[in-house]
């Protein structure tokens, strides 16, 4: 399970907006990201790059798995794991009760 980000969502959105706004002032997108990261006190430029790429995916301008789709996949994987556990419990119970029915019972 990934640890929560130390950066609030509003800071991430602001960084992405700032990169888009200052991009024309720099030769490369990386230089713009580096400037934004240093202005906002974000640890590494790579962090800002990931936020920008994810925003591009979420807005549909870049192919990939959106944040919403990732959340759905995570929830479905959790549900599948719970259902598998429940299925194992039911199988164990069924075999236990089937064994009970097969045992000879003495009538008095």
PDB file of N, CA and C in Angstrom:
ATOM      1  N   UNK A   1       0.845  -1.172   0.000  1.00  0.00           N
ATOM      2  CA  UNK A   1       0.000   0.000   0.000  1.00  0.00           C
ATOM      3  C   UNK A   1       0.892   1.238   0.000  1.00  0.00           C
ATOM      4  N   UNK A   2       0.714   2.119  -0.987  1.00  0.00           N
ATOM      5  CA  UNK A   2       1.569   3.294  -1.045  1.00  0.00           C
ATOM      6  C   UNK A   2       1.273   4.257   0.098  1.00  0.00           C
ATOM      7  N   UNK A   3       2.317   4.932   0.514  1.00  0.00           N
ATOM      8  CA  UNK A   3       2.117   5.882   1.605  1.00  0.00           C
ATOM      9  C   UNK A   3       1.477   7.148   1.060  1.00  0.00           C
ATOM     10  N   UNK A   4       0.751   7.870   1.893  1.00  0.00           N
ATOM     11  CA  UNK A   4       0.091   9.089   1.419  1.00  0.00           C
ATOM     12  C   UNK A   4       1.126  10.154   1.056  1.00  0.00           C
ATOM     13  N   UNK A   5       0.776  10.974   0.090  1.00  0.00           N
ATOM     14  CA  UNK A   5       1.680  12.026  -0.375  1.00  0.00           C
ATOM     15  C   UNK A   5       1.819  13.110   0.688  1.00  0.00           C
ATOM     16  N   UNK A   6       3.041  13.607   0.888  1.00  0.00           N
ATOM     17  CA  UNK A   6       3.206  14.696   1.846  1.00  0.00           C
ATOM     18  C   UNK A   6       2.718  16.030   1.282  1.00  0.00           C
ATOM     19  N   UNK A   7       2.368  16.062   0.007  1.00  0.00           N
ATOM     20  CA  UNK A   7       1.919  17.289  -0.634  1.00  0.00           C
ATOM     21  C   UNK A   7       0.395  17.279  -0.772  1.00  0.00           C
ATOM     22  N   UNK A   8      -0.265  18.339  -0.317  1.00  0.00           N
ATOM     23  CA  UNK A   8      -1.724  18.388  -0.447  1.00  0.00           C
ATOM     24  C   UNK A   8      -2.163  18.488  -1.914  1.00  0.00           C
ATOM     25  N   UNK A   9      -3.375  18.063  -2.177  1.00  0.00           N
ATOM     26  CA  UNK A   9      -3.902  18.039  -3.544  1.00  0.00           C
ATOM     27  C   UNK A   9      -3.903  19.436  -4.158  1.00  0.00           C
ATOM     28  N   UNK A  10      -4.189  20.446  -3.378  1.00  0.00           N
ATOM     29  CA  UNK A  10      -4.226  21.811  -3.903  1.00  0.00           C
ATOM     30  C   UNK A  10      -2.848  22.250  -4.392  1.00  0.00           C
ATOM     31  N   UNK A  11      -1.793  21.867  -3.680  1.00  0.00           N
ATOM     32  CA  UNK A  11      -0.430  22.191  -4.113  1.00  0.00           C
ATOM     33  C   UNK A  11      -0.116  21.494  -5.435  1.00  0.00           C
ATOM     34  N   UNK A  12      -0.552  20.245  -5.579  1.00  0.00           N
ATOM     35  CA  UNK A  12      -0.326  19.513  -6.820  1.00  0.00           C
ATOM     36  C   UNK A  12      -1.012  20.199  -7.996  1.00  0.00           C
ATOM     37  N   UNK A  13      -2.275  20.593  -7.792  1.00  0.00           N
ATOM     38  CA  UNK A  13      -3.022  21.271  -8.856  1.00  0.00           C
ATOM     39  C   UNK A  13      -2.355  22.601  -9.219  1.00  0.00           C
ATOM     40  N   UNK A  14      -1.903  23.308  -8.203  1.00  0.00           N
ATOM     41  CA  UNK A  14      -1.256  24.594  -8.428  1.00  0.00           C
ATOM     42  C   UNK A  14       0.044  24.415  -9.220  1.00  0.00           C
ATOM     43  N   UNK A  15       0.820  23.396  -8.874  1.00  0.00           N
ATOM     44  CA  UNK A  15       2.071  23.128  -9.579  1.00  0.00           C
ATOM     45  C   UNK A  15       1.804  22.813 -11.047  1.00  0.00           C
ATOM     46  N   UNK A  16       0.799  22.011 -11.318  1.00  0.00           N
ATOM     47  CA  UNK A  16       0.457  21.654 -12.697  1.00  0.00           C
ATOM     48  C   UNK A  16       0.039  22.907 -13.471  1.00  0.00           C
ATOM     49  N   UNK A  17      -0.784  23.750 -12.849  1.00  0.00           N
ATOM     50  CA  UNK A  17      -1.215  25.002 -13.492  1.00  0.00           C
ATOM     51  C   UNK A  17      -0.013  25.902 -13.781  1.00  0.00           C
ATOM     52  N   UNK A  18       0.875  25.996 -12.800  1.00  0.00           N
ATOM     53  CA  UNK A  18       2.043  26.862 -12.960  1.00  0.00           C
ATOM     54  C   UNK A  18       2.946  26.380 -14.087  1.00  0.00           C
ATOM     55  N   UNK A  19       3.135  25.083 -14.207  1.00  0.00           N
ATOM     56  CA  UNK A  19       3.968  24.545 -15.289  1.00  0.00           C
ATOM     57  C   UNK A  19       3.372  24.942 -16.634  1.00  0.00           C
ATOM     58  N   UNK A  20       2.054  24.824 -16.774  1.00  0.00           N
ATOM     59  CA  UNK A  20       1.395  25.186 -18.028  1.00  0.00           C
ATOM     60  C   UNK A  20       1.542  26.682 -18.310  1.00  0.00           C
ATOM     61  N   UNK A  21       1.474  27.491 -17.253  1.00  0.00           N
ATOM     62  CA  UNK A  21       1.555  28.940 -17.431  1.00  0.00           C
ATOM     63  C   UNK A  21       2.964  29.411 -17.786  1.00  0.00           C
ATOM     64  N   UNK A  22       3.997  28.834 -17.156  1.00  0.00           N
ATOM     65  CA  UNK A  22       5.364  29.315 -17.371  1.00  0.00           C
ATOM     66  C   UNK A  22       6.103  28.568 -18.474  1.00  0.00           C
ATOM     67  N   UNK A  23       5.494  27.540 -19.043  1.00  0.00           N
ATOM     68  CA  UNK A  23       6.166  26.736 -20.064  1.00  0.00           C
ATOM     69  C   UNK A  23       6.726  27.570 -21.216  1.00  0.00           C
ATOM     70  N   UNK A  24       5.989  28.558 -21.739  1.00  0.00           N
ATOM     71  CA  UNK A  24       6.536  29.339 -22.862  1.00  0.00           C
ATOM     72  C   UNK A  24       7.806  30.136 -22.508  1.00  0.00           C
ATOM     73  N   UNK A  25       8.037  30.378 -21.238  1.00  0.00           N
ATOM     74  CA  UNK A  25       9.197  31.157 -20.815  1.00  0.00           C
ATOM     75  C   UNK A  25      10.486  30.336 -20.789  1.00  0.00           C
ATOM     76  N   UNK A  26      10.386  29.027 -20.930  1.00  0.00           N
ATOM     77  CA  UNK A  26      11.552  28.147 -20.821  1.00  0.00           C
ATOM     78  C   UNK A  26      11.758  27.372 -22.120  1.00  0.00           C
ATOM     79  N   UNK A  27      12.999  26.933 -22.324  1.00  0.00           N
ATOM     80  CA  UNK A  27      13.345  26.192 -23.539  1.00  0.00           C
ATOM     81  C   UNK A  27      12.697  24.810 -23.575  1.00  0.00           C
ATOM     82  N   UNK A  28      12.628  24.162 -22.402  1.00  0.00           N
ATOM     83  CA  UNK A  28      12.059  22.813 -22.334  1.00  0.00           C
ATOM     84  C   UNK A  28      11.007  22.743 -21.231  1.00  0.00           C
ATOM     85  N   UNK A  29      10.184  21.720 -21.351  1.00  0.00           N
ATOM     86  CA  UNK A  29       9.168  21.498 -20.313  1.00  0.00           C
ATOM     87  C   UNK A  29       9.848  21.147 -18.986  1.00  0.00           C
ATOM     88  N   UNK A  30      10.948  20.405 -19.066  1.00  0.00           N
ATOM     89  CA  UNK A  30      11.678  20.014 -17.866  1.00  0.00           C
ATOM     90  C   UNK A  30      12.187  21.242 -17.110  1.00  0.00           C
ATOM     91  N   UNK A  31      12.684  22.234 -17.842  1.00  0.00           N
ATOM     92  CA  UNK A  31      13.172  23.465 -17.205  1.00  0.00           C
ATOM     93  C   UNK A  31      12.027  24.191 -16.491  1.00  0.00           C
ATOM     94  N   UNK A  32      10.853  24.209 -17.119  1.00  0.00           N
ATOM     95  CA  UNK A  32       9.684  24.828 -16.481  1.00  0.00           C
ATOM     96  C   UNK A  32       9.302  24.070 -15.216  1.00  0.00           C
ATOM     97  N   UNK A  33       9.328  22.755 -15.286  1.00  0.00           N
ATOM     98  CA  UNK A  33       8.994  21.928 -14.119  1.00  0.00           C
ATOM     99  C   UNK A  33      10.006  22.142 -12.994  1.00  0.00           C
ATOM    100  N   UNK A  34      11.263  22.251 -13.368  1.00  0.00           N
ATOM    101  CA  UNK A  34      12.326  22.460 -12.382  1.00  0.00           C
ATOM    102  C   UNK A  34      12.138  23.800 -11.665  1.00  0.00           C
ATOM    103  N   UNK A  35      11.787  24.830 -12.426  1.00  0.00           N
ATOM    104  CA  UNK A  35      11.556  26.153 -11.839  1.00  0.00           C
ATOM    105  C   UNK A  35      10.366  26.130 -10.890  1.00  0.00           C
ATOM    106  N   UNK A  36       9.294  25.489 -11.303  1.00  0.00           N
ATOM    107  CA  UNK A  36       8.089  25.400 -10.463  1.00  0.00           C
ATOM    108  C   UNK A  36       8.390  24.617  -9.185  1.00  0.00           C
ATOM    109  N   UNK A  37       9.115  23.509  -9.323  1.00  0.00           N
ATOM    110  CA  UNK A  37       9.455  22.699  -8.151  1.00  0.00           C
ATOM    111  C   UNK A  37      10.252  23.525  -7.144  1.00  0.00           C
ATOM    112  N   UNK A  38      11.203  24.295  -7.620  1.00  0.00           N
ATOM    113  CA  UNK A  38      12.008  25.089  -6.684  1.00  0.00           C
ATOM    114  C   UNK A  38      11.196  26.230  -6.079  1.00  0.00           C
ATOM    115  N   UNK A  39      10.310  26.862  -6.857  1.00  0.00           N
ATOM    116  CA  UNK A  39       9.471  27.955  -6.339  1.00  0.00           C
ATOM    117  C   UNK A  39       8.523  27.473  -5.252  1.00  0.00           C
ATOM    118  N   UNK A  40       7.992  26.265  -5.422  1.00  0.00           N
ATOM    119  CA  UNK A  40       7.001  25.748  -4.472  1.00  0.00           C
ATOM    120  C   UNK A  40       7.621  24.894  -3.368  1.00  0.00           C
ATOM    121  N   UNK A  41       8.921  24.674  -3.430  1.00  0.00           N
ATOM    122  CA  UNK A  41       9.589  23.890  -2.397  1.00  0.00           C
ATOM    123  C   UNK A  41       9.278  22.403  -2.471  1.00  0.00           C
ATOM    124  N   UNK A  42       9.092  21.921  -3.692  1.00  0.00           N
ATOM    125  CA  UNK A  42       8.810  20.496  -3.901  1.00  0.00           C
ATOM    126  C   UNK A  42      10.146  19.781  -4.043  1.00  0.00           C
ATOM    127  N   UNK A  43      10.289  18.660  -3.354  1.00  0.00           N
ATOM    128  CA  UNK A  43      11.556  17.944  -3.273  1.00  0.00           C
ATOM    129  C   UNK A  43      12.296  17.729  -4.574  1.00  0.00           C
ATOM    130  N   UNK A  44      11.639  17.139  -5.569  1.00  0.00           N
ATOM    131  CA  UNK A  44      12.322  16.853  -6.825  1.00  0.00           C
ATOM    132  C   UNK A  44      11.472  17.277  -8.009  1.00  0.00           C
ATOM    133  N   UNK A  45      12.132  17.538  -9.107  1.00  0.00           N
ATOM    134  CA  UNK A  45      11.436  17.887 -10.344  1.00  0.00           C
ATOM    135  C   UNK A  45      10.638  16.700 -10.861  1.00  0.00           C
ATOM    136  N   UNK A  46      11.132  15.498 -10.599  1.00  0.00           N
ATOM    137  CA  UNK A  46      10.437  14.282 -11.036  1.00  0.00           C
ATOM    138  C   UNK A  46       9.034  14.210 -10.442  1.00  0.00           C
ATOM    139  N   UNK A  47       8.874  14.671  -9.218  1.00  0.00           N
ATOM    140  CA  UNK A  47       7.556  14.682  -8.573  1.00  0.00           C
ATOM    141  C   UNK A  47       6.590  15.546  -9.374  1.00  0.00           C
ATOM    142  N   UNK A  48       7.037  16.727  -9.757  1.00  0.00           N
ATOM    143  CA  UNK A  48       6.193  17.628 -10.554  1.00  0.00           C
ATOM    144  C   UNK A  48       5.907  17.003 -11.915  1.00  0.00           C
ATOM    145  N   UNK A  49       6.907  16.358 -12.517  1.00  0.00           N
ATOM    146  CA  UNK A  49       6.710  15.719 -13.822  1.00  0.00           C
ATOM    147  C   UNK A  49       5.616  14.664 -13.747  1.00  0.00           C
ATOM    148  N   UNK A  50       5.616  13.864 -12.686  1.00  0.00           N
ATOM    149  CA  UNK A  50       4.589  12.829 -12.525  1.00  0.00           C
ATOM    150  C   UNK A  50       3.206  13.456 -12.395  1.00  0.00           C
ATOM    151  N   UNK A  51       3.125  14.559 -11.644  1.00  0.00           N
ATOM    152  CA  UNK A  51       1.829  15.236 -11.482  1.00  0.00           C
ATOM    153  C   UNK A  51       1.329  15.770 -12.813  1.00  0.00           C
ATOM    154  N   UNK A  52       2.226  16.369 -13.594  1.00  0.00           N
ATOM    155  CA  UNK A  52       1.844  16.921 -14.893  1.00  0.00           C
ATOM    156  C   UNK A  52       1.387  15.802 -15.820  1.00  0.00           C
ATOM    157  N   UNK A  53       2.142  14.702 -15.863  1.00  0.00           N
ATOM    158  CA  UNK A  53       1.770  13.578 -16.734  1.00  0.00           C
ATOM    159  C   UNK A  53       0.416  12.999 -16.325  1.00  0.00           C
ATOM    160  N   UNK A  54       0.185  12.838 -15.027  1.00  0.00           N
ATOM    161  CA  UNK A  54      -1.098  12.279 -14.567  1.00  0.00           C
ATOM    162  C   UNK A  54      -2.235  13.226 -14.909  1.00  0.00           C
ATOM    163  N   UNK A  55      -2.007  14.529 -14.804  1.00  0.00           N
ATOM    164  CA  UNK A  55      -3.030  15.499 -15.177  1.00  0.00           C
ATOM    165  C   UNK A  55      -3.341  15.400 -16.668  1.00  0.00           C
ATOM    166  N   UNK A  56      -2.310  15.200 -17.478  1.00  0.00           N
ATOM    167  CA  UNK A  56      -2.521  15.048 -18.919  1.00  0.00           C
ATOM    168  C   UNK A  56      -3.323  13.777 -19.216  1.00  0.00           C
ATOM    169  N   UNK A  57      -3.049  12.717 -18.495  1.00  0.00           N
ATOM    170  CA  UNK A  57      -3.806  11.469 -18.672  1.00  0.00           C
ATOM    171  C   UNK A  57      -5.255  11.670 -18.242  1.00  0.00           C
ATOM    172  N   UNK A  58      -5.450  12.316 -17.078  1.00  0.00           N
ATOM    173  CA  UNK A  58      -6.809  12.535 -16.570  1.00  0.00           C
ATOM    174  C   UNK A  58      -7.632  13.437 -17.491  1.00  0.00           C
ATOM    175  N   UNK A  59      -6.972  14.388 -18.154  1.00  0.00           N
ATOM    176  CA  UNK A  59      -7.695  15.299 -19.044  1.00  0.00           C
ATOM    177  C   UNK A  59      -7.894  14.704 -20.441  1.00  0.00           C
ATOM    178  N   UNK A  60      -7.261  13.560 -20.709  1.00  0.00           N
ATOM    179  CA  UNK A  60      -7.459  12.886 -21.980  1.00  0.00           C
ATOM    180  C   UNK A  60      -6.483  13.301 -23.068  1.00  0.00           C
ATOM    181  N   UNK A  61      -5.495  14.131 -22.750  1.00  0.00           N
ATOM    182  CA  UNK A  61      -4.534  14.563 -23.767  1.00  0.00           C
ATOM    183  C   UNK A  61      -3.360  13.595 -23.902  1.00  0.00           C
ATOM    184  N   UNK A  62      -3.287  12.620 -23.019  1.00  0.00           N
ATOM    185  CA  UNK A  62      -2.195  11.641 -23.048  1.00  0.00           C
ATOM    186  C   UNK A  62      -2.819  10.267 -22.741  1.00  0.00           C
ATOM    187  N   UNK A  63      -2.384   9.217 -23.444  1.00  0.00           N
ATOM    188  CA  UNK A  63      -2.944   7.894 -23.147  1.00  0.00           C
ATOM    189  C   UNK A  63      -2.425   7.360 -21.810  1.00  0.00           C
ATOM    190  N   UNK A  64      -3.254   6.569 -21.165  1.00  0.00           N
ATOM    191  CA  UNK A  64      -2.853   5.959 -19.898  1.00  0.00           C
ATOM    192  C   UNK A  64      -4.050   5.709 -19.013  1.00  0.00           C
ATOM    193  N   UNK A  65      -3.777   5.209 -17.825  1.00  0.00           N
ATOM    194  CA  UNK A  65      -4.823   4.901 -16.857  1.00  0.00           C
ATOM    195  C   UNK A  65      -5.108   6.126 -16.006  1.00  0.00           C
ATOM    196  N   UNK A  66      -6.357   6.575 -16.043  1.00  0.00           N
ATOM    197  CA  UNK A  66      -6.719   7.766 -15.278  1.00  0.00           C
ATOM    198  C   UNK A  66      -6.745   7.453 -13.780  1.00  0.00           C
ATOM    199  N   UNK A  67      -6.753   8.510 -12.997  1.00  0.00           N
ATOM    200  CA  UNK A  67      -6.804   8.367 -11.547  1.00  0.00           C
ATOM    201  C   UNK A  67      -8.081   7.642 -11.130  1.00  0.00           C
ATOM    202  N   UNK A  68      -9.184   7.977 -11.791  1.00  0.00           N
ATOM    203  CA  UNK A  68     -10.469   7.338 -11.478  1.00  0.00           C
ATOM    204  C   UNK A  68     -10.432   5.848 -11.801  1.00  0.00           C
ATOM    205  N   UNK A  69      -9.857   5.504 -12.946  1.00  0.00           N
ATOM    206  CA  UNK A  69      -9.759   4.092 -13.327  1.00  0.00           C
ATOM    207  C   UNK A  69      -8.866   3.328 -12.347  1.00  0.00           C
ATOM    208  N   UNK A  70      -7.787   3.957 -11.924  1.00  0.00           N
ATOM    209  CA  UNK A  70      -6.892   3.313 -10.950  1.00  0.00           C
ATOM    210  C   UNK A  70      -7.626   3.049  -9.640  1.00  0.00           C
ATOM    211  N   UNK A  71      -8.438   4.011  -9.212  1.00  0.00           N
ATOM    212  CA  UNK A  71      -9.205   3.837  -7.971  1.00  0.00           C
ATOM    213  C   UNK A  71     -10.220   2.707  -8.121  1.00  0.00           C
ATOM    214  N   UNK A  72     -10.859   2.623  -9.290  1.00  0.00           N
ATOM    215  CA  UNK A  72     -11.827   1.551  -9.533  1.00  0.00           C
ATOM    216  C   UNK A  72     -11.138   0.187  -9.523  1.00  0.00           C
ATOM    217  N   UNK A  73      -9.989   0.086 -10.164  1.00  0.00           N
ATOM    218  CA  UNK A  73      -9.249  -1.175 -10.194  1.00  0.00           C
ATOM    219  C   UNK A  73      -8.859  -1.581  -8.775  1.00  0.00           C
ATOM    220  N   UNK A  74      -8.395  -0.622  -7.985  1.00  0.00           N
ATOM    221  CA  UNK A  74      -7.996  -0.904  -6.613  1.00  0.00           C
ATOM    222  C   UNK A  74      -9.189  -1.418  -5.798  1.00  0.00           C
ATOM    223  N   UNK A  75     -10.348  -0.750  -5.952  1.00  0.00           N
ATOM    224  CA  UNK A  75     -11.551  -1.173  -5.220  1.00  0.00           C
ATOM    225  C   UNK A  75     -11.994  -2.564  -5.660  1.00  0.00           C
ATOM    226  N   UNK A  76     -11.937  -2.835  -6.958  1.00  0.00           N
ATOM    227  CA  UNK A  76     -12.346  -4.152  -7.455  1.00  0.00           C
ATOM    228  C   UNK A  76     -11.400  -5.249  -6.985  1.00  0.00           C
ATOM    229  N   UNK A  77     -10.102  -4.956  -6.939  1.00  0.00           N
ATOM    230  CA  UNK A  77      -9.148  -5.944  -6.434  1.00  0.00           C
ATOM    231  C   UNK A  77      -9.422  -6.253  -4.966  1.00  0.00           C
ATOM    232  N   UNK A  78      -9.766  -5.231  -4.206  1.00  0.00           N
ATOM    233  CA  UNK A  78     -10.093  -5.438  -2.790  1.00  0.00           C
ATOM    234  C   UNK A  78     -11.346  -6.303  -2.660  1.00  0.00           C
ATOM    235  N   UNK A  79     -12.352  -6.015  -3.487  1.00  0.00           N
ATOM    236  CA  UNK A  79     -13.593  -6.785  -3.456  1.00  0.00           C
ATOM    237  C   UNK A  79     -13.345  -8.241  -3.841  1.00  0.00           C
ATOM    238  N   UNK A  80     -12.524  -8.469  -4.855  1.00  0.00           N
ATOM    239  CA  UNK A  80     -12.196  -9.833  -5.284  1.00  0.00           C
ATOM    240  C   UNK A  80     -11.518 -10.589  -4.149  1.00  0.00           C
ATOM    241  N   UNK A  81     -10.581  -9.932  -3.462  1.00  0.00           N
ATOM    242  CA  UNK A  81      -9.879 -10.588  -2.350  1.00  0.00           C
ATOM    243  C   UNK A  81     -10.866 -10.967  -1.238  1.00  0.00           C
ATOM    244  N   UNK A  82     -11.808 -10.063  -0.920  1.00  0.00           N
ATOM    245  CA  UNK A  82     -12.812 -10.359   0.107  1.00  0.00           C
ATOM    246  C   UNK A  82     -13.699 -11.524  -0.319  1.00  0.00           C
ATOM    247  N   UNK A  83     -14.102 -11.538  -1.584  1.00  0.00           N
ATOM    248  CA  UNK A  83     -14.960 -12.625  -2.075  1.00  0.00           C
ATOM    249  C   UNK A  83     -14.222 -13.962  -2.078  1.00  0.00           C
ATOM    250  N   UNK A  84     -12.934 -13.943  -2.397  1.00  0.00           N
ATOM    251  CA  UNK A  84     -12.147 -15.182  -2.354  1.00  0.00           C
ATOM    252  C   UNK A  84     -12.065 -15.710  -0.927  1.00  0.00           C
ATOM    253  N   UNK A  85     -11.849 -14.808   0.039  1.00  0.00           N
ATOM    254  CA  UNK A  85     -11.813 -15.242   1.452  1.00  0.00           C
ATOM    255  C   UNK A  85     -13.151 -15.838   1.867  1.00  0.00           C
ATOM    256  N   UNK A  86     -14.234 -15.161   1.491  1.00  0.00           N
ATOM    257  CA  UNK A  86     -15.566 -15.666   1.838  1.00  0.00           C
ATOM    258  C   UNK A  86     -15.812 -17.024   1.176  1.00  0.00           C
ATOM    259  N   UNK A  87     -15.357 -17.185  -0.058  1.00  0.00           N
ATOM    260  CA  UNK A  87     -15.517 -18.441  -0.775  1.00  0.00           C
ATOM    261  C   UNK A  87     -14.765 -19.566  -0.071  1.00  0.00           C
ATOM    262  N   UNK A  88     -13.549 -19.298   0.382  1.00  0.00           N
ATOM    263  CA  UNK A  88     -12.765 -20.307   1.101  1.00  0.00           C
ATOM    264  C   UNK A  88     -13.465 -20.718   2.400  1.00  0.00           C
ATOM    265  N   UNK A  89     -14.031 -19.747   3.098  1.00  0.00           N
ATOM    266  CA  UNK A  89     -14.756 -20.053   4.341  1.00  0.00           C
ATOM    267  C   UNK A  89     -15.957 -20.942   4.032  1.00  0.00           C
ATOM    268  N   UNK A  90     -16.693 -20.609   2.977  1.00  0.00           N
ATOM    269  CA  UNK A  90     -17.869 -21.404   2.609  1.00  0.00           C
ATOM    270  C   UNK A  90     -17.482 -22.816   2.175  1.00  0.00           C
ATOM    271  N   UNK A  91     -16.368 -22.941   1.456  1.00  0.00           N
ATOM    272  CA  UNK A  91     -15.897 -24.278   1.053  1.00  0.00           C
ATOM    273  C   UNK A  91     -15.533 -25.112   2.276  1.00  0.00           C
ATOM    274  N   UNK A  92     -14.850 -24.490   3.236  1.00  0.00           N
ATOM    275  CA  UNK A  92     -14.464 -25.203   4.453  1.00  0.00           C
ATOM    276  C   UNK A  92     -15.702 -25.635   5.236  1.00  0.00           C
ATOM    277  N   UNK A  93     -16.682 -24.742   5.327  1.00  0.00           N
ATOM    278  CA  UNK A  93     -17.913 -25.070   6.042  1.00  0.00           C
ATOM    279  C   UNK A  93     -18.670 -26.194   5.326  1.00  0.00           C
ATOM    280  N   UNK A  94     -18.734 -26.140   4.017  1.00  0.00           N
ATOM    281  CA  UNK A  94     -19.441 -27.173   3.256  1.00  0.00           C
ATOM    282  C   UNK A  94     -18.779 -28.533   3.443  1.00  0.00           C
ATOM    283  N   UNK A  95     -17.452 -28.563   3.404  1.00  0.00           N
ATOM    284  CA  UNK A  95     -16.783 -29.851   3.577  1.00  0.00           C
ATOM    285  C   UNK A  95     -16.949 -30.363   5.007  1.00  0.00           C
ATOM    286  N   UNK A  96     -16.983 -29.458   5.990  1.00  0.00           N
ATOM    287  CA  UNK A  96     -17.194 -29.864   7.379  1.00  0.00           C
ATOM    288  C   UNK A  96     -18.573 -30.493   7.538  1.00  0.00           C
ATOM    289  N   UNK A  97     -19.604 -29.836   7.026  1.00  0.00           N
ATOM    290  CA  UNK A  97     -20.951 -30.355   7.181  1.00  0.00           C
ATOM    291  C   UNK A  97     -21.177 -31.610   6.337  1.00  0.00           C
ATOM    292  N   UNK A  98     -20.512 -31.705   5.203  1.00  0.00           N
ATOM    293  CA  UNK A  98     -20.623 -32.924   4.398  1.00  0.00           C
ATOM    294  C   UNK A  98     -20.012 -34.095   5.149  1.00  0.00           C
ATOM    295  N   UNK A  99     -18.914 -33.850   5.838  1.00  0.00           N
ATOM    296  CA  UNK A  99     -18.277 -34.903   6.637  1.00  0.00           C
ATOM    297  C   UNK A  99     -19.195 -35.309   7.793  1.00  0.00           C
ATOM    298  N   UNK A 100     -19.898 -34.365   8.378  1.00  0.00           N
ATOM    299  CA  UNK A 100     -20.837 -34.661   9.467  1.00  0.00           C
ATOM    300  C   UNK A 100     -21.955 -35.579   8.974  1.00  0.00           C
ATOM    301  N   UNK A 101     -22.436 -35.350   7.768  1.00  0.00           N
ATOM    302  CA  UNK A 101     -23.518 -36.165   7.228  1.00  0.00           C
ATOM    303  C   UNK A 101     -23.047 -37.582   6.902  1.00  0.00           C
ATOM    304  N   UNK A 102     -21.779 -37.729   6.557  1.00  0.00           N
ATOM    305  CA  UNK A 102     -21.245 -39.049   6.200  1.00  0.00           C
ATOM    306  C   UNK A 102     -20.940 -39.911   7.413  1.00  0.00           C
ATOM    307  N   UNK A 103     -20.817 -39.319   8.579  1.00  0.00           N
ATOM    308  CA  UNK A 103     -20.482 -40.095   9.777  1.00  0.00           C
ATOM    309  C   UNK A 103     -21.690 -40.922  10.210  1.00  0.00           C
ATOM    310  N   UNK A 104     -21.429 -42.137  10.619  1.00  0.00           N
ATOM    311  CA  UNK A 104     -22.552 -42.941  11.100  1.00  0.00           C
ATOM    312  C   UNK A 104     -23.026 -42.437  12.484  1.00  0.00           C
ATOM    313  N   UNK A 105     -24.306 -42.339  12.635  1.00  0.00           N
ATOM    314  CA  UNK A 105     -24.880 -41.890  13.905  1.00  0.00           C
ATOM    315  C   UNK A 105     -25.539 -43.071  14.600  1.00  0.00           C
ATOM    316  N   UNK A 106     -25.280 -43.241  15.876  1.00  0.00           N
ATOM    317  CA  UNK A 106     -25.889 -44.310  16.651  1.00  0.00           C
ATOM    318  C   UNK A 106     -27.211 -43.827  17.207  1.00  0.00           C
ATOM    319  N   UNK A 107     -28.238 -44.608  16.949  1.00  0.00           N
ATOM    320  CA  UNK A 107     -29.540 -44.252  17.496  1.00  0.00           C
ATOM    321  C   UNK A 107     -29.768 -45.042  18.748  1.00  0.00           C
ATOM    322  N   UNK A 108     -30.251 -44.375  19.755  1.00  0.00           N
ATOM    323  CA  UNK A 108     -30.464 -45.112  21.001  1.00  0.00           C
ATOM    324  C   UNK A 108     -31.895 -45.426  21.257  1.00  0.00           C
TER     325      UNK A 108
END
